[in-house]
Amino acid sequence: MTTLYIDGDACPVRDEVYRVADRLALPVFVVANGSRPIRPPGRPNVTMITVEAGADVADDWIAERVTKADVCITSDIPLASRCLAKGGRALAPNGKIWTPDNIGSALAGREVGRYLREMGMNTGGPAPLTKQDRSQFLSALDTLVRAAQRERVG
């Protein structure tokens, strides 16, 4: 069965994931380190996992469990890369599907941004999600889930 994993601390599309999971009867794990309280959604298919505080603890929890039948929703490019390396699928909240073909350049861009910030340059942050981003996210999530389910069956 396809499982959805949400890197939950700062995920702006949890409600959208819950709706898709309800429609397709999929289990969801929302993984967070508890730095920001996340209200449980009160859905039987959603499990809230609170891991200990620390760098990459939530990412490690997800990466250790994701399989090729699963989808991870994350803004964290290294976590997306780890999921892809295990054969899973990864999706950013803005609807960008991470693939083996585009994750390398994203990781490189992340390192360039880190270097520029270390040099004192303001690189800004992610833009707020638009309605179009949310729509693109829902479409991409549906595409990834269906592909994961086909691969699992086939």
Protein backbone atom coordinates (compact mmCIF):
# COMPACT_ATOMS: atom_id res chain seq x y z
CA MET A 1 0.00 0.00 0.00
CA THR A 2 1.19 3.50 -0.77
CA THR A 3 1.95 5.57 2.32
CA LEU A 4 2.25 9.35 2.41
CA TYR A 5 4.95 10.85 4.62
CA ILE A 6 4.78 14.53 5.51
CA ASP A 7 7.85 16.36 6.74
CA GLY A 8 5.52 18.16 9.08
CA ASP A 9 7.19 21.00 10.95
CA ALA A 10 6.66 23.61 8.25
CA CYS A 11 4.44 21.91 5.69
CA PRO A 12 1.79 24.32 4.37
CA VAL A 13 -0.20 21.66 2.47
CA ARG A 14 -1.09 19.17 5.20
CA ASP A 15 -4.84 19.71 4.70
CA GLU A 16 -4.52 19.02 0.99
CA VAL A 17 -2.63 15.79 1.72
CA TYR A 18 -5.30 14.72 4.21
CA ARG A 19 -8.04 15.22 1.61
CA VAL A 20 -6.21 13.15 -1.02
CA ALA A 21 -5.43 10.44 1.55
CA ASP A 22 -9.08 10.31 2.64
CA ARG A 23 -10.27 10.02 -0.96
CA LEU A 24 -7.82 7.21 -1.78
CA ALA A 25 -7.86 5.54 1.68
CA LEU A 26 -4.11 5.99 2.18
CA PRO A 27 -2.20 6.07 5.46
CA VAL A 28 -0.37 9.28 6.32
CA PHE A 29 2.48 9.86 8.75
CA VAL A 30 3.07 13.46 9.81
CA VAL A 31 6.57 13.56 11.28
CA ALA A 32 7.74 16.55 13.32
CA ASN A 33 10.20 17.31 16.06
CA GLY A 34 7.67 19.17 18.16
CA SER A 35 9.27 22.60 17.77
CA ARG A 36 5.93 23.82 16.42
CA PRO A 37 2.79 22.22 17.80
CA ILE A 38 0.78 20.52 15.08
CA ARG A 39 -2.86 19.89 15.81
CA PRO A 40 -3.82 16.28 15.03
CA PRO A 41 -6.41 16.24 12.24
CA GLY A 42 -8.67 13.68 13.91
CA ARG A 43 -8.59 11.29 10.95
CA PRO A 44 -8.10 7.56 11.52
CA ASN A 45 -5.66 7.23 8.62
CA VAL A 46 -3.33 9.99 9.90
CA THR A 47 -0.65 9.20 12.48
CA MET A 48 1.25 12.01 14.17
CA ILE A 49 4.87 11.14 14.95
CA THR A 50 6.85 13.44 17.23
CA VAL A 51 10.57 12.73 17.19
CA GLU A 52 13.19 14.16 19.50
CA ALA A 53 14.58 17.59 18.73
CA GLY A 54 17.71 17.70 16.64
CA ALA A 55 18.96 18.27 13.15
CA ASP A 56 17.54 15.81 10.64
CA VAL A 57 15.85 13.56 13.24
CA ALA A 58 12.47 13.80 11.49
CA ASP A 59 14.18 13.40 8.11
CA ASP A 60 15.97 10.27 9.35
CA TRP A 61 12.68 8.79 10.60
CA ILE A 62 11.08 9.27 7.19
CA ALA A 63 14.10 8.17 5.14
CA GLU A 64 14.44 4.96 7.15
CA ARG A 65 10.85 3.95 6.36
CA VAL A 66 10.05 5.20 2.86
CA THR A 67 9.79 2.56 0.13
CA LYS A 68 9.31 2.65 -3.62
CA ALA A 69 5.54 2.56 -3.07
CA ASP A 70 5.57 5.76 -0.99
CA VAL A 71 5.45 9.53 -1.46
CA CYS A 72 7.21 12.05 0.78
CA ILE A 73 5.98 15.64 0.92
CA THR A 74 8.86 17.92 1.88
CA SER A 75 10.55 21.24 1.24
CA ASP A 76 13.82 19.69 2.38
CA ILE A 77 15.88 18.93 -0.72
CA PRO A 78 18.31 16.53 1.01
CA LEU A 79 15.37 14.53 2.41
CA ALA A 80 13.80 14.42 -1.05
CA SER A 81 17.12 13.12 -2.38
CA ARG A 82 17.26 10.40 0.28
CA CYS A 83 13.72 9.29 -0.57
CA LEU A 84 14.53 9.15 -4.27
CA ALA A 85 17.66 7.10 -3.52
CA LYS A 86 15.42 4.48 -1.88
CA GLY A 87 13.14 4.41 -4.91
CA GLY A 88 10.39 6.49 -3.31
CA ARG A 89 8.81 9.61 -4.67
CA ALA A 90 9.17 13.16 -3.37
CA LEU A 91 7.07 16.26 -3.83
CA ALA A 92 7.56 19.85 -2.71
CA PRO A 93 4.60 21.80 -1.29
CA ASN A 94 4.59 24.05 -4.37
CA GLY A 95 3.91 21.03 -6.58
CA LYS A 96 7.45 20.45 -7.84
CA ILE A 97 8.04 16.76 -8.37
CA TRP A 98 11.57 15.77 -7.39
CA THR A 99 13.18 13.25 -9.74
CA PRO A 100 16.63 11.73 -10.14
CA ASP A 101 17.05 14.10 -13.10
CA ASN A 102 16.44 17.34 -11.18
CA ILE A 103 17.48 16.63 -7.59
CA GLY A 104 21.23 17.03 -8.25
CA SER A 105 20.90 20.57 -9.54
CA ALA A 106 18.56 21.41 -6.65
CA LEU A 107 21.13 20.14 -4.14
CA ALA A 108 23.84 22.17 -5.88
CA GLY A 109 21.66 25.29 -5.84
CA ARG A 110 21.02 24.76 -2.15
CA GLU A 111 24.77 24.69 -1.50
CA VAL A 112 25.31 27.86 -3.54
CA GLY A 113 22.59 29.56 -1.48
CA ARG A 114 24.23 28.41 1.74
CA TYR A 115 27.58 29.78 0.58
CA LEU A 116 26.04 33.13 -0.37
CA ARG A 117 24.35 33.39 3.04
CA GLU A 118 27.67 32.62 4.74
CA MET A 119 29.16 35.49 2.74
CA GLY A 120 26.49 37.80 4.15
CA MET A 121 24.17 37.98 1.15
CA ASN A 122 20.43 37.92 1.70
CA THR A 123 19.08 35.16 -0.52
CA GLY A 124 15.47 35.54 0.62
CA GLY A 125 13.17 32.68 1.42
CA PRO A 126 10.55 30.71 -0.40
CA ALA A 127 7.66 32.65 -1.85
CA PRO A 128 4.26 32.18 -0.18
CA LEU A 129 2.13 29.48 -1.78
CA THR A 130 -0.44 30.70 -4.28
CA LYS A 131 -3.74 29.07 -5.22
CA GLN A 132 -2.03 27.94 -8.42
CA ASP A 133 0.76 26.30 -6.37
CA ARG A 134 -1.82 24.44 -4.27
CA SER A 135 -3.64 23.30 -7.39
CA GLN A 136 -0.36 22.16 -8.96
CA PHE A 137 0.50 20.35 -5.71
CA LEU A 138 -2.80 18.44 -5.70
CA SER A 139 -2.37 17.42 -9.33
CA ALA A 140 1.23 16.32 -8.78
CA LEU A 141 0.34 14.38 -5.62
CA ASP A 142 -2.40 12.53 -7.48
CA THR A 143 0.05 11.73 -10.30
CA LEU A 144 2.72 10.43 -7.91
CA VAL A 145 0.30 8.33 -5.86
CA ARG A 146 -1.15 6.71 -8.96
CA ALA A 147 2.34 5.99 -10.32
CA ALA A 148 3.38 4.45 -7.00
CA GLN A 149 0.26 2.30 -6.91
CA ARG A 150 0.79 1.12 -10.51
CA GLU A 151 4.41 0.22 -9.81
CA ARG A 152 3.46 -1.67 -6.65
CA VAL A 153 0.84 -3.69 -8.53
CA GLY A 154 2.85 -4.13 -11.72
